[in-house]
Amino acid sequence: LAMGRVAAAGALLAALLMLGAPPAAGAERVFQEMVQSECHFINGTERVRFVKRFIYNREQYVHFDSDLGHFVGDTPYGEEVARYWNSDPEWMEHRRAAVDRHCRHNYELSTPFLVERRGERRADPSQSLSPSPGRLLCSVMDFYPAHIQVRWFQGEQELSEHVVATDVVPNGDWTYQLLVLLETPPQNGLTYTCQVEHVSLEHPLSQHREMLLDTTRSKMLTGIGGFVLGFVFLVLGLGVWGIPHLQGSSVLRLLGVLGIPGFSPLQDLSFSQITPH
């Protein structure tokens, strides 16, 4: 194995010399040699392909493909290197074993952290109204992987305008969060829906918000009307019982100012004094 590595190093040095790299240190020009290893998995480790590429100054000149079982030259010089390496049985055995030594071994180590976490759902999205009027905020928390689609609907119609979303933000524990804001005045009697689609979900998640602004306003007006009516009856009661400091004309003027039908602030009426026996 050591002899094969020495031979490989010698071949790479020869490649650099033939491609024009100066052997002297401190040369002004920069030359880059890159080796890239790839593992391709189909259905887990049922089928694994190992590819090792040798690249000089952004040009691949030779590569090893485990499906072929030998090196293949990509340039005229790469063909010479491939013939040289393919003629070394010890070196070729080491390359072919990389499928198990490098790919399958690393797959078993990384599966608990990568493959098994793909599409894992940590929590359902939560939706809340912002304090400002005319805005609805949908918060989607603790999802993985990062790709996600969040849409707003008004009834059955998707809202594409006035929708503002933050970037997908990592939480630091492999999960992410996203905020999507709908900036439009909600209309009375309509239902707004935040819908989330993610690879971890069998079906989209939806949360609904029904706007009942008319009901709220009517309750407020009813409360105000009740207060005014109670105040009017209080004033009338005081006038009937003949409070000395509250003249009937004052009562009628107050009723006229309040706009009670049938009463005018210009009318005057006297209440008789009731003397207790």
C-alpha atoms as a PDB file:
ATOM      1  CA  LEU A   1       0.000   0.000   0.000  1.00  0.00           C
ATOM      2  CA  ALA A   2       2.869   2.342   0.823  1.00  0.00           C
ATOM      3  CA  MET A   3       4.474   1.713  -2.553  1.00  0.00           C
ATOM      4  CA  GLY A   4       1.185   2.516  -4.243  1.00  0.00           C
ATOM      5  CA  ARG A   5       0.908   5.823  -2.392  1.00  0.00           C
ATOM      6  CA  VAL A   6       4.458   6.750  -3.338  1.00  0.00           C
ATOM      7  CA  ALA A   7       3.701   5.919  -6.937  1.00  0.00           C
ATOM      8  CA  ALA A   8       0.542   8.011  -6.798  1.00  0.00           C
ATOM      9  CA  ALA A   9       2.430  10.956  -5.350  1.00  0.00           C
ATOM     10  CA  GLY A  10       5.070  10.609  -8.041  1.00  0.00           C
ATOM     11  CA  ALA A  11       2.409  10.552 -10.729  1.00  0.00           C
ATOM     12  CA  LEU A  12       0.797  13.700  -9.343  1.00  0.00           C
ATOM     13  CA  LEU A  13       4.152  15.465  -9.246  1.00  0.00           C
ATOM     14  CA  ALA A  14       4.780  14.454 -12.833  1.00  0.00           C
ATOM     15  CA  ALA A  15       1.336  15.786 -13.735  1.00  0.00           C
ATOM     16  CA  LEU A  16       2.130  19.145 -12.201  1.00  0.00           C
ATOM     17  CA  LEU A  17       5.415  19.365 -14.047  1.00  0.00           C
ATOM     18  CA  MET A  18       3.891  18.390 -17.366  1.00  0.00           C
ATOM     19  CA  LEU A  19       1.002  20.839 -16.914  1.00  0.00           C
ATOM     20  CA  GLY A  20       3.424  23.675 -16.339  1.00  0.00           C
ATOM     21  CA  ALA A  21       3.576  24.122 -12.550  1.00  0.00           C
ATOM     22  CA  PRO A  22       6.960  25.522 -11.488  1.00  0.00           C
ATOM     23  CA  PRO A  23       8.700  23.250  -8.941  1.00  0.00           C
ATOM     24  CA  ALA A  24      10.497  26.118  -7.255  1.00  0.00           C
ATOM     25  CA  ALA A  25       9.009  27.571  -4.059  1.00  0.00           C
ATOM     26  CA  GLY A  26       7.793  31.142  -4.017  1.00  0.00           C
ATOM     27  CA  ALA A  27       6.544  31.180  -7.610  1.00  0.00           C
ATOM     28  CA  GLU A  28       4.306  34.104  -8.470  1.00  0.00           C
ATOM     29  CA  ARG A  29       1.664  32.045 -10.290  1.00  0.00           C
ATOM     30  CA  VAL A  30      -0.865  29.959  -8.359  1.00  0.00           C
ATOM     31  CA  PHE A  31      -1.717  26.372  -9.313  1.00  0.00           C
ATOM     32  CA  GLN A  32      -4.427  24.359  -7.609  1.00  0.00           C
ATOM     33  CA  GLU A  33      -4.707  20.606  -7.295  1.00  0.00           C
ATOM     34  CA  MET A  34      -8.007  19.360  -5.847  1.00  0.00           C
ATOM     35  CA  VAL A  35      -9.176  15.847  -4.986  1.00  0.00           C
ATOM     36  CA  GLN A  36     -12.920  15.368  -4.539  1.00  0.00           C
ATOM     37  CA  SER A  37     -14.569  12.247  -3.085  1.00  0.00           C
ATOM     38  CA  GLU A  38     -18.276  11.530  -3.585  1.00  0.00           C
ATOM     39  CA  CYS A  39     -20.632   8.916  -2.154  1.00  0.00           C
ATOM     40  CA  HIS A  40     -23.912   8.292  -3.972  1.00  0.00           C
ATOM     41  CA  PHE A  41     -26.589   6.313  -2.087  1.00  0.00           C
ATOM     42  CA  ILE A  42     -29.658   4.645  -3.572  1.00  0.00           C
ATOM     43  CA  ASN A  43     -32.234   3.295  -1.106  1.00  0.00           C
ATOM     44  CA  GLY A  44     -29.946   3.660   1.870  1.00  0.00           C
ATOM     45  CA  THR A  45     -26.884   1.464   1.498  1.00  0.00           C
ATOM     46  CA  GLU A  46     -28.559  -1.010  -0.832  1.00  0.00           C
ATOM     47  CA  ARG A  47     -26.580   0.468  -3.697  1.00  0.00           C
ATOM     48  CA  VAL A  48     -23.580   2.726  -3.133  1.00  0.00           C
ATOM     49  CA  ARG A  49     -21.371   4.383  -5.721  1.00  0.00           C
ATOM     50  CA  PHE A  50     -17.991   5.909  -4.895  1.00  0.00           C
ATOM     51  CA  VAL A  51     -16.404   8.496  -7.200  1.00  0.00           C
ATOM     52  CA  LYS A  52     -13.012  10.141  -6.664  1.00  0.00           C
ATOM     53  CA  ARG A  53     -12.103  13.059  -8.930  1.00  0.00           C
ATOM     54  CA  PHE A  54      -8.675  14.624  -9.503  1.00  0.00           C
ATOM     55  CA  ILE A  55      -8.872  18.235 -10.689  1.00  0.00           C
ATOM     56  CA  TYR A  56      -6.083  20.603 -11.674  1.00  0.00           C
ATOM     57  CA  ASN A  57      -6.852  24.295 -12.156  1.00  0.00           C
ATOM     58  CA  ARG A  58     -10.602  23.591 -12.429  1.00  0.00           C
ATOM     59  CA  GLU A  59     -10.114  20.848 -15.009  1.00  0.00           C
ATOM     60  CA  GLN A  60     -10.768  17.218 -14.130  1.00  0.00           C
ATOM     61  CA  TYR A  61      -8.076  15.057 -15.688  1.00  0.00           C
ATOM     62  CA  VAL A  62      -8.738  11.619 -14.121  1.00  0.00           C
ATOM     63  CA  HIS A  63     -11.348   9.986 -11.881  1.00  0.00           C
ATOM     64  CA  PHE A  64     -12.175   6.670 -10.225  1.00  0.00           C
ATOM     65  CA  ASP A  65     -15.676   5.187 -10.467  1.00  0.00           C
ATOM     66  CA  SER A  66     -16.558   2.219  -8.240  1.00  0.00           C
ATOM     67  CA  ASP A  67     -19.265   1.119 -10.693  1.00  0.00           C
ATOM     68  CA  LEU A  68     -16.507   0.663 -13.274  1.00  0.00           C
ATOM     69  CA  GLY A  69     -13.902  -0.537 -10.787  1.00  0.00           C
ATOM     70  CA  HIS A  70     -10.993   1.395 -12.294  1.00  0.00           C
ATOM     71  CA  PHE A  71      -9.643   4.879 -13.105  1.00  0.00           C
ATOM     72  CA  VAL A  72     -10.744   6.731 -16.241  1.00  0.00           C
ATOM     73  CA  GLY A  73      -8.702   9.467 -17.909  1.00  0.00           C
ATOM     74  CA  ASP A  74     -10.506  12.694 -18.799  1.00  0.00           C
ATOM     75  CA  THR A  75      -7.576  14.378 -20.596  1.00  0.00           C
ATOM     76  CA  PRO A  76      -4.672  12.996 -22.622  1.00  0.00           C
ATOM     77  CA  TYR A  77      -2.430  13.192 -19.603  1.00  0.00           C
ATOM     78  CA  GLY A  78      -5.196  11.798 -17.370  1.00  0.00           C
ATOM     79  CA  GLU A  79      -5.331   8.723 -19.576  1.00  0.00           C
ATOM     80  CA  GLU A  80      -1.639   8.113 -18.860  1.00  0.00           C
ATOM     81  CA  VAL A  81      -2.207   8.502 -15.125  1.00  0.00           C
ATOM     82  CA  ALA A  82      -5.213   6.148 -15.274  1.00  0.00           C
ATOM     83  CA  ARG A  83      -3.180   3.451 -17.047  1.00  0.00           C
ATOM     84  CA  TYR A  84      -0.430   3.784 -14.463  1.00  0.00           C
ATOM     85  CA  TRP A  85      -2.750   3.517 -11.447  1.00  0.00           C
ATOM     86  CA  ASN A  86      -4.866   0.740 -12.956  1.00  0.00           C
ATOM     87  CA  SER A  87      -1.699  -1.348 -13.373  1.00  0.00           C
ATOM     88  CA  ASP A  88      -1.064  -1.342  -9.593  1.00  0.00           C
ATOM     89  CA  PRO A  89      -3.201  -4.153  -8.026  1.00  0.00           C
ATOM     90  CA  GLU A  90      -2.527  -3.029  -4.454  1.00  0.00           C
ATOM     91  CA  TRP A  91      -3.537   0.560  -5.203  1.00  0.00           C
ATOM     92  CA  MET A  92      -6.668  -0.553  -7.066  1.00  0.00           C
ATOM     93  CA  GLU A  93      -7.734  -2.830  -4.217  1.00  0.00           C
ATOM     94  CA  HIS A  94      -7.438   0.124  -1.845  1.00  0.00           C
ATOM     95  CA  ARG A  95      -9.583   2.294  -4.150  1.00  0.00           C
ATOM     96  CA  ARG A  96     -12.294  -0.351  -4.598  1.00  0.00           C
ATOM     97  CA  ALA A  97     -12.542  -0.899  -0.843  1.00  0.00           C
ATOM     98  CA  ALA A  98     -13.399   2.788  -0.363  1.00  0.00           C
ATOM     99  CA  VAL A  99     -17.059   1.991  -1.060  1.00  0.00           C
ATOM    100  CA  ASP A 100     -17.275   0.150   2.260  1.00  0.00           C
ATOM    101  CA  ARG A 101     -14.474   1.880   4.149  1.00  0.00           C
ATOM    102  CA  HIS A 102     -15.521   5.426   3.295  1.00  0.00           C
ATOM    103  CA  CYS A 103     -19.141   5.512   2.074  1.00  0.00           C
ATOM    104  CA  ARG A 104     -20.997   2.795   3.971  1.00  0.00           C
ATOM    105  CA  HIS A 105     -19.057   3.434   7.174  1.00  0.00           C
ATOM    106  CA  ASN A 106     -19.776   7.179   7.149  1.00  0.00           C
ATOM    107  CA  TYR A 107     -23.408   6.529   6.236  1.00  0.00           C
ATOM    108  CA  GLU A 108     -23.921   4.493   9.394  1.00  0.00           C
ATOM    109  CA  LEU A 109     -22.278   7.204  11.483  1.00  0.00           C
ATOM    110  CA  SER A 110     -24.251  10.091  10.008  1.00  0.00           C
ATOM    111  CA  THR A 111     -27.691   8.466   9.657  1.00  0.00           C
ATOM    112  CA  PRO A 112     -28.899   9.321  13.212  1.00  0.00           C
ATOM    113  CA  PHE A 113     -27.999  12.990  12.675  1.00  0.00           C
ATOM    114  CA  LEU A 114     -29.002  13.487   9.033  1.00  0.00           C
ATOM    115  CA  VAL A 115     -31.236  10.910   7.374  1.00  0.00           C
ATOM    116  CA  GLU A 116     -33.400  10.048  10.393  1.00  0.00           C
ATOM    117  CA  ARG A 117     -33.971  13.747  11.134  1.00  0.00           C
ATOM    118  CA  ARG A 118     -35.158  14.526   7.626  1.00  0.00           C
ATOM    119  CA  GLY A 119     -38.707  15.864   7.792  1.00  0.00           C
ATOM    120  CA  GLU A 120     -38.982  15.502  11.554  1.00  0.00           C
ATOM    121  CA  ARG A 121     -41.850  17.610  12.931  1.00  0.00           C
ATOM    122  CA  ARG A 122     -41.293  19.116  16.354  1.00  0.00           C
ATOM    123  CA  ALA A 123     -44.432  21.203  16.901  1.00  0.00           C
ATOM    124  CA  ASP A 124     -47.545  22.422  15.155  1.00  0.00           C
ATOM    125  CA  PRO A 125     -47.516  26.007  13.906  1.00  0.00           C
ATOM    126  CA  SER A 126     -49.173  28.589  16.098  1.00  0.00           C
ATOM    127  CA  GLN A 127     -51.117  31.623  14.888  1.00  0.00           C
ATOM    128  CA  SER A 128     -51.742  34.864  16.783  1.00  0.00           C
ATOM    129  CA  LEU A 129     -53.142  38.318  16.058  1.00  0.00           C
ATOM    130  CA  SER A 130     -50.729  41.221  16.284  1.00  0.00           C
ATOM    131  CA  PRO A 131     -51.700  44.194  18.504  1.00  0.00           C
ATOM    132  CA  SER A 132     -51.986  46.499  15.504  1.00  0.00           C
ATOM    133  CA  PRO A 133     -55.346  46.533  13.677  1.00  0.00           C
ATOM    134  CA  GLY A 134     -55.481  45.098  10.192  1.00  0.00           C
ATOM    135  CA  ARG A 135     -52.742  42.510  10.723  1.00  0.00           C
ATOM    136  CA  LEU A 136     -52.665  38.770  11.250  1.00  0.00           C
ATOM    137  CA  LEU A 137     -49.467  36.977  12.219  1.00  0.00           C
ATOM    138  CA  CYS A 138     -48.790  33.268  11.623  1.00  0.00           C
ATOM    139  CA  SER A 139     -45.876  31.812  13.572  1.00  0.00           C
ATOM    140  CA  VAL A 140     -44.409  28.473  12.458  1.00  0.00           C
ATOM    141  CA  MET A 141     -41.987  27.013  14.967  1.00  0.00           C
ATOM    142  CA  ASP A 142     -39.603  24.041  15.392  1.00  0.00           C
ATOM    143  CA  PHE A 143     -39.650  22.384  11.958  1.00  0.00           C
ATOM    144  CA  TYR A 144     -36.968  20.462  10.046  1.00  0.00           C
ATOM    145  CA  PRO A 145     -35.746  20.521   7.275  1.00  0.00           C
ATOM    146  CA  ALA A 146     -35.752  24.201   6.455  1.00  0.00           C
ATOM    147  CA  HIS A 147     -37.851  24.120   3.278  1.00  0.00           C
ATOM    148  CA  ILE A 148     -41.458  25.049   4.079  1.00  0.00           C
ATOM    149  CA  GLN A 149     -44.451  26.740   2.432  1.00  0.00           C
ATOM    150  CA  VAL A 150     -46.822  29.006   4.371  1.00  0.00           C
ATOM    151  CA  ARG A 151     -49.858  30.562   2.675  1.00  0.00           C
ATOM    152  CA  TRP A 152     -52.695  32.844   3.747  1.00  0.00           C
ATOM    153  CA  PHE A 153     -56.301  32.328   2.585  1.00  0.00           C
ATOM    154  CA  GLN A 154     -59.386  34.525   2.804  1.00  0.00           C
ATOM    155  CA  GLY A 155     -62.153  31.972   2.679  1.00  0.00           C
ATOM    156  CA  GLU A 156     -61.155  29.766  -0.266  1.00  0.00           C
ATOM    157  CA  GLN A 157     -59.111  32.450  -2.036  1.00  0.00           C
ATOM    158  CA  GLU A 158     -55.346  32.519  -1.576  1.00  0.00           C
ATOM    159  CA  LEU A 159     -53.924  35.928  -0.689  1.00  0.00           C
ATOM    160  CA  SER A 160     -50.715  36.647  -2.573  1.00  0.00           C
ATOM    161  CA  GLU A 161     -50.546  40.387  -1.938  1.00  0.00           C
ATOM    162  CA  HIS A 162     -49.821  42.121   1.356  1.00  0.00           C
ATOM    163  CA  VAL A 163     -48.076  39.002   2.693  1.00  0.00           C
ATOM    164  CA  VAL A 164     -44.686  39.602   4.330  1.00  0.00           C
ATOM    165  CA  ALA A 165     -42.474  36.751   5.556  1.00  0.00           C
ATOM    166  CA  THR A 166     -39.234  36.672   7.479  1.00  0.00           C
ATOM    167  CA  ASP A 167     -36.310  34.525   6.430  1.00  0.00           C
ATOM    168  CA  VAL A 168     -36.257  30.972   7.749  1.00  0.00           C
ATOM    169  CA  VAL A 169     -34.343  31.383  11.005  1.00  0.00           C
ATOM    170  CA  PRO A 170     -32.378  28.491  12.605  1.00  0.00           C
ATOM    171  CA  ASN A 171     -33.048  27.818  16.280  1.00  0.00           C
ATOM    172  CA  GLY A 172     -29.599  26.338  16.864  1.00  0.00           C
ATOM    173  CA  ASP A 173     -30.870  22.784  17.467  1.00  0.00           C
ATOM    174  CA  TRP A 174     -31.392  21.698  13.829  1.00  0.00           C
ATOM    175  CA  THR A 175     -34.904  23.186  13.816  1.00  0.00           C
ATOM    176  CA  TYR A 176     -36.156  26.412  12.252  1.00  0.00           C
ATOM    177  CA  GLN A 177     -38.860  29.057  12.659  1.00  0.00           C
ATOM    178  CA  LEU A 178     -40.723  31.394  10.322  1.00  0.00           C
ATOM    179  CA  LEU A 179     -43.121  34.341  10.728  1.00  0.00           C
ATOM    180  CA  VAL A 180     -45.608  35.247   7.978  1.00  0.00           C
ATOM    181  CA  LEU A 181     -47.585  38.489   8.342  1.00  0.00           C
ATOM    182  CA  LEU A 182     -50.809  39.363   6.515  1.00  0.00           C
ATOM    183  CA  GLU A 183     -51.051  43.149   6.248  1.00  0.00           C
ATOM    184  CA  THR A 184     -54.646  43.816   5.213  1.00  0.00           C
ATOM    185  CA  PRO A 185     -57.705  45.041   7.127  1.00  0.00           C
ATOM    186  CA  PRO A 186     -59.750  41.909   7.945  1.00  0.00           C
ATOM    187  CA  GLN A 187     -63.300  42.100   6.592  1.00  0.00           C
ATOM    188  CA  ASN A 188     -66.381  41.373   8.654  1.00  0.00           C
ATOM    189  CA  GLY A 189     -67.737  37.831   8.669  1.00  0.00           C
ATOM    190  CA  LEU A 190     -64.815  36.318   6.728  1.00  0.00           C
ATOM    191  CA  THR A 191     -62.499  33.517   7.819  1.00  0.00           C
ATOM    192  CA  TYR A 192     -58.728  33.838   7.415  1.00  0.00           C
ATOM    193  CA  THR A 193     -56.586  30.702   7.284  1.00  0.00           C
ATOM    194  CA  CYS A 194     -52.850  30.171   7.711  1.00  0.00           C
ATOM    195  CA  GLN A 195     -51.872  26.964   5.892  1.00  0.00           C
ATOM    196  CA  VAL A 196     -48.522  25.217   6.362  1.00  0.00           C
ATOM    197  CA  GLU A 197     -47.104  22.596   3.976  1.00  0.00           C
ATOM    198  CA  HIS A 198     -43.980  20.663   4.968  1.00  0.00           C
ATOM    199  CA  VAL A 199     -42.314  17.359   4.097  1.00  0.00           C
ATOM    200  CA  SER A 200     -42.920  16.115   7.646  1.00  0.00           C
ATOM    201  CA  LEU A 201     -46.704  16.496   7.336  1.00  0.00           C
ATOM    202  CA  GLU A 202     -49.031  13.979   5.743  1.00  0.00           C
ATOM    203  CA  HIS A 203     -51.603  16.746   5.307  1.00  0.00           C
ATOM    204  CA  PRO A 204     -51.272  20.547   5.436  1.00  0.00           C
ATOM    205  CA  LEU A 205     -51.725  22.171   8.817  1.00  0.00           C
ATOM    206  CA  SER A 206     -54.314  24.950   8.949  1.00  0.00           C
ATOM    207  CA  GLN A 207     -55.376  27.411  11.597  1.00  0.00           C
ATOM    208  CA  HIS A 208     -58.431  29.627  11.144  1.00  0.00           C
ATOM    209  CA  ARG A 209     -59.391  33.063  12.398  1.00  0.00           C
ATOM    210  CA  GLU A 210     -62.983  34.260  11.975  1.00  0.00           C
ATOM    211  CA  MET A 211     -63.461  38.018  12.113  1.00  0.00           C
ATOM    212  CA  LEU A 212     -66.595  39.119  14.036  1.00  0.00           C
ATOM    213  CA  LEU A 213     -66.136  42.873  14.059  1.00  0.00           C
ATOM    214  CA  ASP A 214     -69.890  43.660  13.716  1.00  0.00           C
ATOM    215  CA  THR A 215     -70.748  41.676  16.830  1.00  0.00           C
ATOM    216  CA  THR A 216     -68.120  43.467  18.871  1.00  0.00           C
ATOM    217  CA  ARG A 217     -69.324  46.876  17.683  1.00  0.00           C
ATOM    218  CA  SER A 218     -72.978  46.073  18.427  1.00  0.00           C
ATOM    219  CA  LYS A 219     -72.093  44.990  21.944  1.00  0.00           C
ATOM    220  CA  MET A 220     -70.252  48.243  22.489  1.00  0.00           C
ATOM    221  CA  LEU A 221     -73.178  50.328  21.205  1.00  0.00           C
ATOM    222  CA  THR A 222     -75.610  48.370  23.376  1.00  0.00           C
ATOM    223  CA  GLY A 223     -73.506  49.095  26.427  1.00  0.00           C
ATOM    224  CA  ILE A 224     -73.335  52.813  25.655  1.00  0.00           C
ATOM    225  CA  GLY A 225     -77.090  52.969  25.018  1.00  0.00           C
ATOM    226  CA  GLY A 226     -77.828  51.225  28.291  1.00  0.00           C
ATOM    227  CA  PHE A 227     -75.647  53.677  30.166  1.00  0.00           C
ATOM    228  CA  VAL A 228     -77.382  56.712  28.609  1.00  0.00           C
ATOM    229  CA  LEU A 229     -80.856  55.262  29.221  1.00  0.00           C
ATOM    230  CA  GLY A 230     -80.043  54.551  32.846  1.00  0.00           C
ATOM    231  CA  PHE A 231     -78.790  58.080  33.296  1.00  0.00           C
ATOM    232  CA  VAL A 232     -82.015  59.493  31.811  1.00  0.00           C
ATOM    233  CA  PHE A 233     -84.192  57.446  34.181  1.00  0.00           C
ATOM    234  CA  LEU A 234     -82.058  58.593  37.084  1.00  0.00           C
ATOM    235  CA  VAL A 235     -82.640  62.236  36.174  1.00  0.00           C
ATOM    236  CA  LEU A 236     -86.371  61.648  35.716  1.00  0.00           C
ATOM    237  CA  GLY A 237     -86.570  59.967  39.087  1.00  0.00           C
ATOM    238  CA  LEU A 238     -84.900  62.872  40.794  1.00  0.00           C
ATOM    239  CA  GLY A 239     -87.321  65.298  39.140  1.00  0.00           C
ATOM    240  CA  VAL A 240     -90.428  63.317  40.109  1.00  0.00           C
ATOM    241  CA  TRP A 241     -89.454  63.122  43.766  1.00  0.00           C
ATOM    242  CA  GLY A 242     -88.990  66.881  43.835  1.00  0.00           C
ATOM    243  CA  ILE A 243     -85.366  67.394  44.715  1.00  0.00           C
ATOM    244  CA  PRO A 244     -85.307  71.097  45.583  1.00  0.00           C
ATOM    245  CA  HIS A 245     -82.096  71.873  43.779  1.00  0.00           C
ATOM    246  CA  LEU A 246     -83.108  70.219  40.547  1.00  0.00           C
ATOM    247  CA  GLN A 247     -85.905  72.091  38.766  1.00  0.00           C
ATOM    248  CA  GLY A 248     -88.100  70.438  36.193  1.00  0.00           C
ATOM    249  CA  SER A 249     -86.992  72.874  33.541  1.00  0.00           C
ATOM    250  CA  SER A 250     -83.431  71.719  34.057  1.00  0.00           C
ATOM    251  CA  VAL A 251     -84.504  68.122  33.568  1.00  0.00           C
ATOM    252  CA  LEU A 252     -86.254  68.918  30.327  1.00  0.00           C
ATOM    253  CA  ARG A 253     -83.349  70.952  29.035  1.00  0.00           C
ATOM    254  CA  LEU A 254     -81.061  67.995  29.744  1.00  0.00           C
ATOM    255  CA  LEU A 255     -83.404  65.613  27.952  1.00  0.00           C
ATOM    256  CA  GLY A 256     -83.504  67.948  24.969  1.00  0.00           C
ATOM    257  CA  VAL A 257     -79.739  68.201  24.851  1.00  0.00           C
ATOM    258  CA  LEU A 258     -79.484  64.404  24.949  1.00  0.00           C
ATOM    259  CA  GLY A 259     -81.835  64.252  21.946  1.00  0.00           C
ATOM    260  CA  ILE A 260     -84.655  62.332  23.628  1.00  0.00           C
ATOM    261  CA  PRO A 261     -87.647  62.343  21.201  1.00  0.00           C
ATOM    262  CA  GLY A 262     -90.567  64.548  22.292  1.00  0.00           C
ATOM    263  CA  PHE A 263     -88.516  66.830  24.505  1.00  0.00           C
ATOM    264  CA  SER A 264     -87.118  70.220  23.541  1.00  0.00           C
ATOM    265  CA  PRO A 265     -84.486  72.118  25.497  1.00  0.00           C
ATOM    266  CA  LEU A 266     -86.652  75.262  25.053  1.00  0.00           C
ATOM    267  CA  GLN A 267     -89.732  73.749  26.699  1.00  0.00           C
ATOM    268  CA  ASP A 268     -90.424  74.419  30.357  1.00  0.00           C
ATOM    269  CA  LEU A 269     -92.588  72.499  32.784  1.00  0.00           C
ATOM    270  CA  SER A 270     -93.159  72.898  36.514  1.00  0.00           C
ATOM    271  CA  PHE A 271     -93.349  70.034  38.959  1.00  0.00           C
ATOM    272  CA  SER A 272     -95.547  70.491  42.020  1.00  0.00           C
ATOM    273  CA  GLN A 273     -93.956  70.197  45.380  1.00  0.00           C
ATOM    274  CA  ILE A 274     -95.028  67.052  47.197  1.00  0.00           C
ATOM    275  CA  THR A 275     -95.259  67.652  50.904  1.00  0.00           C
ATOM    276  CA  PRO A 276     -95.016  64.537  53.012  1.00  0.00           C
ATOM    277  CA  HIS A 277     -97.757  64.102  55.678  1.00  0.00           C
END
